C-alpha atoms as a PDB file:
ATOM      1  CA  UNK A   1      28.842-247.217 203.396  1.00  0.00           C
ATOM      2  CA  UNK A   2      25.286-247.829 202.167  1.00  0.00           C
ATOM      3  CA  UNK A   3      24.973-247.967 198.401  1.00  0.00           C
ATOM      4  CA  UNK A   4      22.039-245.802 197.237  1.00  0.00           C
ATOM      5  CA  UNK A   5      20.290-247.091 194.113  1.00  0.00           C
ATOM      6  CA  UNK A   6      17.454-245.367 192.267  1.00  0.00           C
ATOM      7  CA  UNK A   7      14.833-247.364 190.350  1.00  0.00           C
ATOM      8  CA  UNK A   8      13.760-245.260 187.358  1.00  0.00           C
ATOM      9  CA  UNK A   9      11.765-245.576 184.150  1.00  0.00           C
ATOM     10  CA  UNK A  10       8.547-244.492 182.470  1.00  0.00           C
ATOM     11  CA  UNK A  11       5.231-244.940 184.333  1.00  0.00           C
ATOM     12  CA  UNK A  12       3.730-248.464 184.401  1.00  0.00           C
ATOM     13  CA  UNK A  13       6.905-250.374 183.550  1.00  0.00           C
ATOM     14  CA  UNK A  14       7.188-252.299 186.849  1.00  0.00           C
ATOM     15  CA  UNK A  15       9.349-250.034 189.029  1.00  0.00           C
ATOM     16  CA  UNK A  16       7.146-250.118 192.117  1.00  0.00           C
ATOM     17  CA  UNK A  17       6.404-253.825 191.713  1.00  0.00           C
ATOM     18  CA  UNK A  18      10.147-254.549 191.590  1.00  0.00           C
ATOM     19  CA  UNK A  19      10.633-252.373 194.675  1.00  0.00           C
ATOM     20  CA  UNK A  20       7.848-254.255 196.493  1.00  0.00           C
ATOM     21  CA  UNK A  21       9.294-257.659 195.643  1.00  0.00           C
ATOM     22  CA  UNK A  22      12.828-256.761 196.735  1.00  0.00           C
ATOM     23  CA  UNK A  23      11.845-254.979 199.955  1.00  0.00           C
ATOM     24  CA  UNK A  24       8.735-257.019 200.913  1.00  0.00           C
ATOM     25  CA  UNK A  25       6.806-253.745 200.856  1.00  0.00           C
ATOM     26  CA  UNK A  26       3.218-253.135 199.847  1.00  0.00           C
ATOM     27  CA  UNK A  27       3.337-249.671 198.323  1.00  0.00           C
ATOM     28  CA  UNK A  28       0.776-248.912 195.575  1.00  0.00           C
ATOM     29  CA  UNK A  29       1.601-250.258 192.115  1.00  0.00           C
ATOM     30  CA  UNK A  30      -1.450-249.038 190.235  1.00  0.00           C
ATOM     31  CA  UNK A  31      -2.260-249.056 186.544  1.00  0.00           C
ATOM     32  CA  UNK A  32      -1.942-245.321 185.957  1.00  0.00           C
ATOM     33  CA  UNK A  33       0.883-242.777 185.616  1.00  0.00           C
ATOM     34  CA  UNK A  34       2.407-241.138 188.698  1.00  0.00           C
ATOM     35  CA  UNK A  35       1.174-243.736 191.155  1.00  0.00           C
ATOM     36  CA  UNK A  36       4.477-243.085 192.949  1.00  0.00           C
ATOM     37  CA  UNK A  37       4.450-239.403 193.907  1.00  0.00           C
ATOM     38  CA  UNK A  38       7.216-239.275 196.490  1.00  0.00           C
ATOM     39  CA  UNK A  39      10.148-241.680 196.339  1.00  0.00           C
ATOM     40  CA  UNK A  40       9.640-244.852 198.373  1.00  0.00           C
ATOM     41  CA  UNK A  41      12.735-245.965 200.242  1.00  0.00           C
ATOM     42  CA  UNK A  42      13.658-249.458 201.388  1.00  0.00           C
ATOM     43  CA  UNK A  43      16.833-250.893 202.880  1.00  0.00           C
ATOM     44  CA  UNK A  44      17.756-254.493 202.059  1.00  0.00           C
ATOM     45  CA  UNK A  45      20.717-256.559 203.287  1.00  0.00           C
ATOM     46  CA  UNK A  46      23.416-257.478 200.795  1.00  0.00           C
ATOM     47  CA  UNK A  47      23.585-261.267 200.986  1.00  0.00           C
ATOM     48  CA  UNK A  48      27.140-262.626 201.001  1.00  0.00           C
ATOM     49  CA  UNK A  49      27.511-266.351 201.624  1.00  0.00           C
ATOM     50  CA  UNK A  50      31.088-265.774 202.828  1.00  0.00           C
ATOM     51  CA  UNK A  51      29.731-263.924 205.862  1.00  0.00           C
ATOM     52  CA  UNK A  52      27.694-266.968 206.916  1.00  0.00           C
ATOM     53  CA  UNK A  53      30.651-269.306 206.339  1.00  0.00           C
ATOM     54  CA  UNK A  54      32.811-267.146 208.625  1.00  0.00           C
ATOM     55  CA  UNK A  55      30.021-267.045 211.220  1.00  0.00           C
ATOM     56  CA  UNK A  56      29.759-270.863 211.175  1.00  0.00           C
ATOM     57  CA  UNK A  57      33.354-270.953 212.436  1.00  0.00           C
ATOM     58  CA  UNK A  58      33.275-268.004 214.869  1.00  0.00           C
ATOM     59  CA  UNK A  59      29.702-268.437 216.247  1.00  0.00           C
ATOM     60  CA  UNK A  60      29.280-264.708 216.969  1.00  0.00           C
ATOM     61  CA  UNK A  61      26.380-263.091 218.816  1.00  0.00           C
ATOM     62  CA  UNK A  62      25.497-261.060 215.711  1.00  0.00           C
ATOM     63  CA  UNK A  63      25.945-261.281 211.940  1.00  0.00           C
ATOM     64  CA  UNK A  64      25.850-257.877 210.244  1.00  0.00           C
ATOM     65  CA  UNK A  65      25.519-257.546 206.475  1.00  0.00           C
ATOM     66  CA  UNK A  66      26.194-254.475 204.422  1.00  0.00           C
ATOM     67  CA  UNK A  67      23.029-252.827 203.124  1.00  0.00           C
ATOM     68  CA  UNK A  68      21.595-251.490 199.903  1.00  0.00           C
ATOM     69  CA  UNK A  69      19.192-248.542 199.917  1.00  0.00           C
ATOM     70  CA  UNK A  70      16.599-248.826 197.142  1.00  0.00           C
ATOM     71  CA  UNK A  71      14.709-245.702 196.099  1.00  0.00           C
ATOM     72  CA  UNK A  72      11.605-246.132 193.944  1.00  0.00           C
ATOM     73  CA  UNK A  73      11.443-242.837 192.052  1.00  0.00           C
ATOM     74  CA  UNK A  74       8.277-241.570 190.375  1.00  0.00           C
ATOM     75  CA  UNK A  75       7.835-242.344 186.674  1.00  0.00           C
ATOM     76  CA  UNK A  76       9.377-239.929 184.205  1.00  0.00           C
ATOM     77  CA  UNK A  77       7.620-238.623 181.082  1.00  0.00           C
ATOM     78  CA  UNK A  78       8.680-236.753 177.974  1.00  0.00           C
ATOM     79  CA  UNK A  79       9.269-233.110 178.893  1.00  0.00           C
ATOM     80  CA  UNK A  80      10.163-233.814 182.534  1.00  0.00           C
ATOM     81  CA  UNK A  81      13.279-231.643 182.227  1.00  0.00           C
ATOM     82  CA  UNK A  82      10.926-228.740 181.472  1.00  0.00           C
ATOM     83  CA  UNK A  83       8.587-229.574 184.352  1.00  0.00           C
ATOM     84  CA  UNK A  84       6.131-231.991 182.693  1.00  0.00           C
ATOM     85  CA  UNK A  85       4.677-234.763 184.846  1.00  0.00           C
ATOM     86  CA  UNK A  86       6.526-234.625 188.148  1.00  0.00           C
ATOM     87  CA  UNK A  87       9.388-232.938 186.342  1.00  0.00           C
ATOM     88  CA  UNK A  88      12.110-231.452 188.464  1.00  0.00           C
ATOM     89  CA  UNK A  89      10.925-233.277 191.605  1.00  0.00           C
ATOM     90  CA  UNK A  90      11.715-236.562 189.867  1.00  0.00           C
ATOM     91  CA  UNK A  91      15.062-235.371 188.569  1.00  0.00           C
ATOM     92  CA  UNK A  92      16.239-233.959 191.897  1.00  0.00           C
ATOM     93  CA  UNK A  93      15.566-237.335 193.541  1.00  0.00           C
ATOM     94  CA  UNK A  94      17.747-239.091 190.952  1.00  0.00           C
ATOM     95  CA  UNK A  95      20.723-236.812 191.662  1.00  0.00           C
ATOM     96  CA  UNK A  96      21.073-238.205 195.190  1.00  0.00           C
ATOM     97  CA  UNK A  97      21.816-241.825 194.239  1.00  0.00           C
ATOM     98  CA  UNK A  98      25.033-243.696 193.380  1.00  0.00           C
ATOM     99  CA  UNK A  99      23.598-246.038 190.761  1.00  0.00           C
ATOM    100  CA  UNK A 100      20.506-246.197 188.538  1.00  0.00           C
ATOM    101  CA  UNK A 101      18.398-249.257 187.763  1.00  0.00           C
ATOM    102  CA  UNK A 102      16.440-248.279 184.636  1.00  0.00           C
ATOM    103  CA  UNK A 103      13.377-250.540 184.289  1.00  0.00           C
ATOM    104  CA  UNK A 104      12.045-250.961 180.747  1.00  0.00           C
ATOM    105  CA  UNK A 105       8.839-252.717 179.772  1.00  0.00           C
ATOM    106  CA  UNK A 106       9.322-255.520 177.245  1.00  0.00           C
ATOM    107  CA  UNK A 107       5.921-257.226 177.522  1.00  0.00           C
ATOM    108  CA  UNK A 108       2.563-256.507 175.941  1.00  0.00           C
ATOM    109  CA  UNK A 109      -0.475-256.645 178.243  1.00  0.00           C
ATOM    110  CA  UNK A 110      -3.682-254.848 177.233  1.00  0.00           C
ATOM    111  CA  UNK A 111      -4.719-254.733 180.900  1.00  0.00           C
ATOM    112  CA  UNK A 112      -1.734-252.540 181.780  1.00  0.00           C
ATOM    113  CA  UNK A 113      -1.659-249.108 180.207  1.00  0.00           C
ATOM    114  CA  UNK A 114       1.413-247.826 178.416  1.00  0.00           C
ATOM    115  CA  UNK A 115       1.837-244.083 178.482  1.00  0.00           C
ATOM    116  CA  UNK A 116       2.499-243.997 174.707  1.00  0.00           C
ATOM    117  CA  UNK A 117       0.221-246.934 173.763  1.00  0.00           C
ATOM    118  CA  UNK A 118       3.115-248.804 172.139  1.00  0.00           C
ATOM    119  CA  UNK A 119       5.541-251.410 173.469  1.00  0.00           C
ATOM    120  CA  UNK A 120       8.958-250.294 172.294  1.00  0.00           C
ATOM    121  CA  UNK A 121      11.571-250.402 175.076  1.00  0.00           C
ATOM    122  CA  UNK A 122      14.233-248.825 172.851  1.00  0.00           C
ATOM    123  CA  UNK A 123      12.004-245.784 172.305  1.00  0.00           C
ATOM    124  CA  UNK A 124      11.237-245.735 176.043  1.00  0.00           C
ATOM    125  CA  UNK A 125      14.951-245.790 176.871  1.00  0.00           C
ATOM    126  CA  UNK A 126      15.607-242.914 174.476  1.00  0.00           C
ATOM    127  CA  UNK A 127      12.835-240.811 176.059  1.00  0.00           C
ATOM    128  CA  UNK A 128      14.202-241.264 179.572  1.00  0.00           C
ATOM    129  CA  UNK A 129      17.816-240.779 178.493  1.00  0.00           C
ATOM    130  CA  UNK A 130      17.079-237.568 176.590  1.00  0.00           C
ATOM    131  CA  UNK A 131      15.271-236.110 179.612  1.00  0.00           C
ATOM    132  CA  UNK A 132      18.278-236.910 181.794  1.00  0.00           C
ATOM    133  CA  UNK A 133      20.580-235.287 179.228  1.00  0.00           C
ATOM    134  CA  UNK A 134      18.361-232.177 178.943  1.00  0.00           C
ATOM    135  CA  UNK A 135      18.281-231.840 182.721  1.00  0.00           C
ATOM    136  CA  UNK A 136      22.083-232.018 182.984  1.00  0.00           C
ATOM    137  CA  UNK A 137      22.389-229.623 180.047  1.00  0.00           C
ATOM    138  CA  UNK A 138      20.372-226.978 181.891  1.00  0.00           C
ATOM    139  CA  UNK A 139      22.396-227.482 185.057  1.00  0.00           C
ATOM    140  CA  UNK A 140      25.675-227.282 183.135  1.00  0.00           C
ATOM    141  CA  UNK A 141      24.654-224.085 181.313  1.00  0.00           C
ATOM    142  CA  UNK A 142      23.570-222.486 184.581  1.00  0.00           C
ATOM    143  CA  UNK A 143      26.904-223.208 186.293  1.00  0.00           C
ATOM    144  CA  UNK A 144      28.904-221.958 183.273  1.00  0.00           C
ATOM    145  CA  UNK A 145      26.926-218.694 183.285  1.00  0.00           C
ATOM    146  CA  UNK A 146      27.528-218.288 187.033  1.00  0.00           C
ATOM    147  CA  UNK A 147      31.278-218.764 186.660  1.00  0.00           C
ATOM    148  CA  UNK A 148      31.501-216.366 183.713  1.00  0.00           C
ATOM    149  CA  UNK A 149      29.352-213.765 185.467  1.00  0.00           C
ATOM    150  CA  UNK A 150      31.734-213.854 188.425  1.00  0.00           C
ATOM    151  CA  UNK A 151      34.699-213.847 186.011  1.00  0.00           C
ATOM    152  CA  UNK A 152      35.948-217.160 187.359  1.00  0.00           C
ATOM    153  CA  UNK A 153      38.081-218.702 184.618  1.00  0.00           C
ATOM    154  CA  UNK A 154      39.228-221.960 186.120  1.00  0.00           C
ATOM    155  CA  UNK A 155      39.864-225.583 185.209  1.00  0.00           C
ATOM    156  CA  UNK A 156      36.316-226.239 186.421  1.00  0.00           C
ATOM    157  CA  UNK A 157      34.963-223.912 183.723  1.00  0.00           C
ATOM    158  CA  UNK A 158      36.958-225.719 181.031  1.00  0.00           C
ATOM    159  CA  UNK A 159      35.633-229.086 182.229  1.00  0.00           C
ATOM    160  CA  UNK A 160      32.058-227.766 182.259  1.00  0.00           C
ATOM    161  CA  UNK A 161      32.440-226.474 178.710  1.00  0.00           C
ATOM    162  CA  UNK A 162      33.624-229.950 177.680  1.00  0.00           C
ATOM    163  CA  UNK A 163      30.604-231.425 179.463  1.00  0.00           C
ATOM    164  CA  UNK A 164      28.332-229.014 177.595  1.00  0.00           C
ATOM    165  CA  UNK A 165      29.736-230.165 174.241  1.00  0.00           C
ATOM    166  CA  UNK A 166      29.165-233.815 175.180  1.00  0.00           C
ATOM    167  CA  UNK A 167      25.584-233.199 176.331  1.00  0.00           C
ATOM    168  CA  UNK A 168      24.793-231.116 173.236  1.00  0.00           C
ATOM    169  CA  UNK A 169      25.776-234.145 171.151  1.00  0.00           C
ATOM    170  CA  UNK A 170      23.143-236.156 173.007  1.00  0.00           C
ATOM    171  CA  UNK A 171      25.685-238.301 174.865  1.00  0.00           C
ATOM    172  CA  UNK A 172      25.890-239.329 178.508  1.00  0.00           C
ATOM    173  CA  UNK A 173      28.835-237.871 180.426  1.00  0.00           C
ATOM    174  CA  UNK A 174      29.695-241.328 181.799  1.00  0.00           C
ATOM    175  CA  UNK A 175      30.432-242.511 178.252  1.00  0.00           C
ATOM    176  CA  UNK A 176      32.794-239.607 177.606  1.00  0.00           C
ATOM    177  CA  UNK A 177      36.552-239.496 178.046  1.00  0.00           C
ATOM    178  CA  UNK A 178      36.473-237.301 181.165  1.00  0.00           C
ATOM    179  CA  UNK A 179      39.357-238.291 183.422  1.00  0.00           C
ATOM    180  CA  UNK A 180      39.149-238.808 187.183  1.00  0.00           C
ATOM    181  CA  UNK A 181      40.408-235.289 187.953  1.00  0.00           C
ATOM    182  CA  UNK A 182      37.774-233.733 185.659  1.00  0.00           C
ATOM    183  CA  UNK A 183      34.992-235.774 187.251  1.00  0.00           C
ATOM    184  CA  UNK A 184      36.174-234.710 190.726  1.00  0.00           C
ATOM    185  CA  UNK A 185      36.012-231.013 189.722  1.00  0.00           C
ATOM    186  CA  UNK A 186      32.293-231.290 188.873  1.00  0.00           C
ATOM    187  CA  UNK A 187      31.341-233.965 191.427  1.00  0.00           C
ATOM    188  CA  UNK A 188      29.331-231.523 193.569  1.00  0.00           C
ATOM    189  CA  UNK A 189      26.966-230.791 190.659  1.00  0.00           C
ATOM    190  CA  UNK A 190      25.685-234.388 190.746  1.00  0.00           C
ATOM    191  CA  UNK A 191      25.241-234.797 187.002  1.00  0.00           C
ATOM    192  CA  UNK A 192      22.758-237.628 186.442  1.00  0.00           C
ATOM    193  CA  UNK A 193      24.427-238.728 183.213  1.00  0.00           C
ATOM    194  CA  UNK A 194      27.673-239.421 185.091  1.00  0.00           C
ATOM    195  CA  UNK A 195      25.957-242.113 187.168  1.00  0.00           C
ATOM    196  CA  UNK A 196      26.288-245.778 186.163  1.00  0.00           C
ATOM    197  CA  UNK A 197      23.102-247.319 184.727  1.00  0.00           C
ATOM    198  CA  UNK A 198      21.944-250.936 184.751  1.00  0.00           C
ATOM    199  CA  UNK A 199      18.926-251.702 182.576  1.00  0.00           C
ATOM    200  CA  UNK A 200      16.275-254.054 183.961  1.00  0.00           C
ATOM    201  CA  UNK A 201      14.328-255.648 181.089  1.00  0.00           C
ATOM    202  CA  UNK A 202      10.895-256.585 182.473  1.00  0.00           C
ATOM    203  CA  UNK A 203       9.589-259.484 180.402  1.00  0.00           C
ATOM    204  CA  UNK A 204       6.441-261.598 180.537  1.00  0.00           C
ATOM    205  CA  UNK A 205       6.472-265.254 181.546  1.00  0.00           C
ATOM    206  CA  UNK A 206       4.595-265.823 178.268  1.00  0.00           C
ATOM    207  CA  UNK A 207       7.356-265.418 175.692  1.00  0.00           C
ATOM    208  CA  UNK A 208       4.971-264.655 172.821  1.00  0.00           C
ATOM    209  CA  UNK A 209       3.995-261.349 174.471  1.00  0.00           C
ATOM    210  CA  UNK A 210       7.548-260.033 174.761  1.00  0.00           C
ATOM    211  CA  UNK A 211       9.356-257.424 172.681  1.00  0.00           C
ATOM    212  CA  UNK A 212      12.240-259.186 170.851  1.00  0.00           C
ATOM    213  CA  UNK A 213      14.774-259.216 173.671  1.00  0.00           C
ATOM    214  CA  UNK A 214      17.773-259.655 171.340  1.00  0.00           C
ATOM    215  CA  UNK A 215      16.918-256.367 169.648  1.00  0.00           C
ATOM    216  CA  UNK A 216      16.909-254.609 173.018  1.00  0.00           C
ATOM    217  CA  UNK A 217      20.159-256.246 174.153  1.00  0.00           C
ATOM    218  CA  UNK A 218      21.846-255.223 170.889  1.00  0.00           C
ATOM    219  CA  UNK A 219      20.798-251.592 171.481  1.00  0.00           C
ATOM    220  CA  UNK A 220      22.048-251.656 175.074  1.00  0.00           C
ATOM    221  CA  UNK A 221      25.323-253.282 173.979  1.00  0.00           C
ATOM    222  CA  UNK A 222      25.905-250.378 171.564  1.00  0.00           C
ATOM    223  CA  UNK A 223      25.534-248.074 174.574  1.00  0.00           C
ATOM    224  CA  UNK A 224      28.270-250.074 176.342  1.00  0.00           C
ATOM    225  CA  UNK A 225      25.716-250.689 179.093  1.00  0.00           C
ATOM    226  CA  UNK A 226      24.567-253.724 181.080  1.00  0.00           C
ATOM    227  CA  UNK A 227      21.128-255.358 181.100  1.00  0.00           C
ATOM    228  CA  UNK A 228      19.494-257.785 183.540  1.00  0.00           C
ATOM    229  CA  UNK A 229      16.435-259.662 182.240  1.00  0.00           C
ATOM    230  CA  UNK A 230      13.743-260.394 184.867  1.00  0.00           C
ATOM    231  CA  UNK A 231      10.038-261.182 185.179  1.00  0.00           C
ATOM    232  CA  UNK A 232       8.318-258.791 187.583  1.00  0.00           C
ATOM    233  CA  UNK A 233       4.540-258.956 187.575  1.00  0.00           C
ATOM    234  CA  UNK A 234       1.956-257.747 190.057  1.00  0.00           C
ATOM    235  CA  UNK A 235       0.819-261.352 190.462  1.00  0.00           C
ATOM    236  CA  UNK A 236       4.295-262.392 191.648  1.00  0.00           C
ATOM    237  CA  UNK A 237       4.394-259.436 194.048  1.00  0.00           C
ATOM    238  CA  UNK A 238       0.971-260.327 195.508  1.00  0.00           C
ATOM    239  CA  UNK A 239       2.095-263.933 195.940  1.00  0.00           C
ATOM    240  CA  UNK A 240       5.286-262.881 197.721  1.00  0.00           C
ATOM    241  CA  UNK A 241       3.254-260.843 200.184  1.00  0.00           C
ATOM    242  CA  UNK A 242       0.385-263.292 200.711  1.00  0.00           C
ATOM    243  CA  UNK A 243       1.604-266.812 199.935  1.00  0.00           C
ATOM    244  CA  UNK A 244       1.914-269.806 202.242  1.00  0.00           C
ATOM    245  CA  UNK A 245       5.230-270.873 203.747  1.00  0.00           C
ATOM    246  CA  UNK A 246       6.260-273.449 201.122  1.00  0.00           C
ATOM    247  CA  UNK A 247       5.559-271.139 198.177  1.00  0.00           C
ATOM    248  CA  UNK A 248       7.168-268.258 200.032  1.00  0.00           C
ATOM    249  CA  UNK A 249      10.453-270.180 200.281  1.00  0.00           C
ATOM    250  CA  UNK A 250      10.547-270.593 196.500  1.00  0.00           C
ATOM    251  CA  UNK A 251       9.615-266.962 195.857  1.00  0.00           C
ATOM    252  CA  UNK A 252      12.114-265.633 198.374  1.00  0.00           C
ATOM    253  CA  UNK A 253      14.839-267.571 196.535  1.00  0.00           C
ATOM    254  CA  UNK A 254      13.581-266.031 193.289  1.00  0.00           C
ATOM    255  CA  UNK A 255      13.651-262.571 194.837  1.00  0.00           C
ATOM    256  CA  UNK A 256      17.135-263.173 196.250  1.00  0.00           C
ATOM    257  CA  UNK A 257      18.342-264.256 192.811  1.00  0.00           C
ATOM    258  CA  UNK A 258      17.146-260.970 191.246  1.00  0.00           C
ATOM    259  CA  UNK A 259      18.589-258.916 194.103  1.00  0.00           C
ATOM    260  CA  UNK A 260      21.937-260.742 194.059  1.00  0.00           C
ATOM    261  CA  UNK A 261      22.219-260.189 190.314  1.00  0.00           C
ATOM    262  CA  UNK A 262      21.491-256.475 190.736  1.00  0.00           C
ATOM    263  CA  UNK A 263      23.970-256.132 193.607  1.00  0.00           C
ATOM    264  CA  UNK A 264      26.750-258.121 191.913  1.00  0.00           C
ATOM    265  CA  UNK A 265      26.396-256.073 188.724  1.00  0.00           C
ATOM    266  CA  UNK A 266      26.189-252.805 190.673  1.00  0.00           C
ATOM    267  CA  UNK A 267      29.316-253.599 192.718  1.00  0.00           C
ATOM    268  CA  UNK A 268      31.193-254.440 189.531  1.00  0.00           C
ATOM    269  CA  UNK A 269      30.160-251.178 187.832  1.00  0.00           C
ATOM    270  CA  UNK A 270      31.066-249.067 190.861  1.00  0.00           C
ATOM    271  CA  UNK A 271      34.343-250.933 191.521  1.00  0.00           C
ATOM    272  CA  UNK A 272      33.285-252.001 195.007  1.00  0.00           C
ATOM    273  CA  UNK A 273      34.436-254.939 197.102  1.00  0.00           C
ATOM    274  CA  UNK A 274      33.882-256.396 200.577  1.00  0.00           C
ATOM    275  CA  UNK A 275      36.117-256.966 203.585  1.00  0.00           C
ATOM    276  CA  UNK A 276      35.183-258.526 206.928  1.00  0.00           C
ATOM    277  CA  UNK A 277      35.821-257.969 210.619  1.00  0.00           C
ATOM    278  CA  UNK A 278      35.356-260.904 213.000  1.00  0.00           C
ATOM    279  CA  UNK A 279      34.916-261.366 216.731  1.00  0.00           C
ATOM    280  CA  UNK A 280      32.768-263.193 219.257  1.00  0.00           C
ATOM    281  CA  UNK A 281      30.451-260.209 219.507  1.00  0.00           C
ATOM    282  CA  UNK A 282      29.895-259.801 215.750  1.00  0.00           C
ATOM    283  CA  UNK A 283      30.981-260.857 212.299  1.00  0.00           C
ATOM    284  CA  UNK A 284      30.497-257.968 209.907  1.00  0.00           C
ATOM    285  CA  UNK A 285      30.819-257.155 206.206  1.00  0.00           C
ATOM    286  CA  UNK A 286      32.048-253.754 205.009  1.00  0.00           C
ATOM    287  CA  UNK A 287      31.939-252.204 201.551  1.00  0.00           C
ATOM    288  CA  UNK A 288      35.019-250.452 200.187  1.00  0.00           C
ATOM    289  CA  UNK A 289      36.221-249.194 196.822  1.00  0.00           C
ATOM    290  CA  UNK A 290      38.657-251.369 194.905  1.00  0.00           C
ATOM    291  CA  UNK A 291      42.068-249.701 195.196  1.00  0.00           C
ATOM    292  CA  UNK A 292      41.544-248.312 198.714  1.00  0.00           C
ATOM    293  CA  UNK A 293      44.153-249.077 201.345  1.00  0.00           C
ATOM    294  CA  UNK A 294      44.040-250.360 204.908  1.00  0.00           C
ATOM    295  CA  UNK A 295      43.890-246.926 206.519  1.00  0.00           C
ATOM    296  CA  UNK A 296      40.908-246.012 204.335  1.00  0.00           C
ATOM    297  CA  UNK A 297      39.279-249.292 205.347  1.00  0.00           C
ATOM    298  CA  UNK A 298      39.952-248.444 209.000  1.00  0.00           C
ATOM    299  CA  UNK A 299      38.110-245.150 208.575  1.00  0.00           C
ATOM    300  CA  UNK A 300      35.012-247.034 207.349  1.00  0.00           C
ATOM    301  CA  UNK A 301      34.750-248.533 210.818  1.00  0.00           C
ATOM    302  CA  UNK A 302      35.639-245.481 212.917  1.00  0.00           C
ATOM    303  CA  UNK A 303      37.738-242.341 212.539  1.00  0.00           C
ATOM    304  CA  UNK A 304      39.646-243.370 215.706  1.00  0.00           C
ATOM    305  CA  UNK A 305      40.855-246.462 213.838  1.00  0.00           C
ATOM    306  CA  UNK A 306      42.240-244.204 211.125  1.00  0.00           C
ATOM    307  CA  UNK A 307      43.783-241.593 213.424  1.00  0.00           C
ATOM    308  CA  UNK A 308      45.504-244.125 215.695  1.00  0.00           C
ATOM    309  CA  UNK A 309      46.310-246.695 213.012  1.00  0.00           C
ATOM    310  CA  UNK A 310      49.350-248.874 213.804  1.00  0.00           C
ATOM    311  CA  UNK A 311      48.951-251.786 211.400  1.00  0.00           C
ATOM    312  CA  UNK A 312      46.410-254.219 210.007  1.00  0.00           C
ATOM    313  CA  UNK A 313      46.337-257.939 210.727  1.00  0.00           C
ATOM    314  CA  UNK A 314      45.073-259.555 207.515  1.00  0.00           C
ATOM    315  CA  UNK A 315      43.838-263.073 206.721  1.00  0.00           C
ATOM    316  CA  UNK A 316      42.647-264.106 203.272  1.00  0.00           C
ATOM    317  CA  UNK A 317      39.087-265.459 203.242  1.00  0.00           C
ATOM    318  CA  UNK A 318      40.009-268.833 201.711  1.00  0.00           C
ATOM    319  CA  UNK A 319      42.868-269.298 204.200  1.00  0.00           C
ATOM    320  CA  UNK A 320      40.470-268.586 207.076  1.00  0.00           C
ATOM    321  CA  UNK A 321      37.950-271.146 205.818  1.00  0.00           C
ATOM    322  CA  UNK A 322      40.685-273.748 205.261  1.00  0.00           C
ATOM    323  CA  UNK A 323      42.558-273.444 208.574  1.00  0.00           C
ATOM    324  CA  UNK A 324      39.632-272.217 210.739  1.00  0.00           C
ATOM    325  CA  UNK A 325      41.477-271.086 213.888  1.00  0.00           C
ATOM    326  CA  UNK A 326      44.131-268.508 214.739  1.00  0.00           C
ATOM    327  CA  UNK A 327      46.672-271.024 216.056  1.00  0.00           C
ATOM    328  CA  UNK A 328      46.692-273.027 212.804  1.00  0.00           C
ATOM    329  CA  UNK A 329      46.683-269.871 210.688  1.00  0.00           C
ATOM    330  CA  UNK A 330      49.795-268.646 212.530  1.00  0.00           C
ATOM    331  CA  UNK A 331      51.469-272.047 212.213  1.00  0.00           C
ATOM    332  CA  UNK A 332      51.157-271.933 208.419  1.00  0.00           C
ATOM    333  CA  UNK A 333      52.043-268.237 208.174  1.00  0.00           C
ATOM    334  CA  UNK A 334      48.630-267.122 206.941  1.00  0.00           C
ATOM    335  CA  UNK A 335      48.297-264.080 209.215  1.00  0.00           C
ATOM    336  CA  UNK A 336      49.996-261.044 207.677  1.00  0.00           C
ATOM    337  CA  UNK A 337      50.826-257.705 209.263  1.00  0.00           C
ATOM    338  CA  UNK A 338      50.281-254.889 206.789  1.00  0.00           C
ATOM    339  CA  UNK A 339      50.936-251.149 206.892  1.00  0.00           C
ATOM    340  CA  UNK A 340      48.700-248.240 205.982  1.00  0.00           C
ATOM    341  CA  UNK A 341      49.451-248.478 202.245  1.00  0.00           C
ATOM    342  CA  UNK A 342      48.316-252.102 201.900  1.00  0.00           C
ATOM    343  CA  UNK A 343      45.645-252.366 199.192  1.00  0.00           C
ATOM    344  CA  UNK A 344      42.652-254.227 200.590  1.00  0.00           C
ATOM    345  CA  UNK A 345      41.537-257.285 198.601  1.00  0.00           C
ATOM    346  CA  UNK A 346      38.010-258.609 198.237  1.00  0.00           C
ATOM    347  CA  UNK A 347      37.248-261.047 201.068  1.00  0.00           C
ATOM    348  CA  UNK A 348      40.077-259.913 203.367  1.00  0.00           C
ATOM    349  CA  UNK A 349      39.438-260.497 207.067  1.00  0.00           C
ATOM    350  CA  UNK A 350      41.058-257.580 208.871  1.00  0.00           C
ATOM    351  CA  UNK A 351      41.818-256.772 212.493  1.00  0.00           C
ATOM    352  CA  UNK A 352      42.970-253.177 212.956  1.00  0.00           C
ATOM    353  CA  UNK A 353      45.610-252.461 215.593  1.00  0.00           C
ATOM    354  CA  UNK A 354      45.474-248.851 216.769  1.00  0.00           C
ATOM    355  CA  UNK A 355      46.060-246.556 219.712  1.00  0.00           C
ATOM    356  CA  UNK A 356      43.713-243.827 220.938  1.00  0.00           C
END
């Protein structure tokens, strides 16, 4: 399971620079709108220190992280839902992701153009959000018309009509009271406003040039959303790509800190967790939804594991680190045999027993 995350925002807010820093890429990050025409895609490993701690005990041939797919999506402008700027091309790219990182510019720099010539991240957020709402509104209306034209009066139609009311009020669907069954009925439509959003506040290292961050955080808090505050400048990106080894070590730690924060927050929003499989050939991390059971975890590895599932041999991460070898773990009763309905816990080390 690779988590797909879209980086969105107005032009010239730091989306491509953030993408470059996190992926060690060198895509253009120019000072004009629509520098990013097609989405740039990068895959980065999800760092988990537990994986390395397990590997230090097992000494496997390979260590395999889970991965995060980052998609740098072209800047959105007012009227995009009606085709302005890159319009529908932008919006269709957003529909394919699991999570949105919405970058907002909180710094004032006369050398970097702002599409509206004013630094007001709250206004910028409202522009982007309204375009996402308008886009979903059109999609919702279209599907309702199709169902009515074909005289299909179903639960799906009722849910869509509820969605239409929510969108007409100018609200995101994710903030509504739609239950899990309702969301499942419209899942195939890929409503953008159902996707979780994490705001990335891009500030300047010079505090005097920043928009009052408390004002922004208060606005985001009213939205019941989450914000990560970072400094992402072209100068930092250039240094990451061109610096000497000693500086690079510092900057890589900085980059990892931003990435870890984004991943941790994203996992929390999406209710994701990690389990591990271990062996001499490889130690590997796997991503799974909180609340999924052992047979669902088995399927993440291979459908044969699911079809021929017998039971799961489970060791808690902290027990594994404490006792370190199978003989001692067995002696202290720390190896459990679980059935298919066992709910996987974060950090579980699992060996699946199955027949083909």
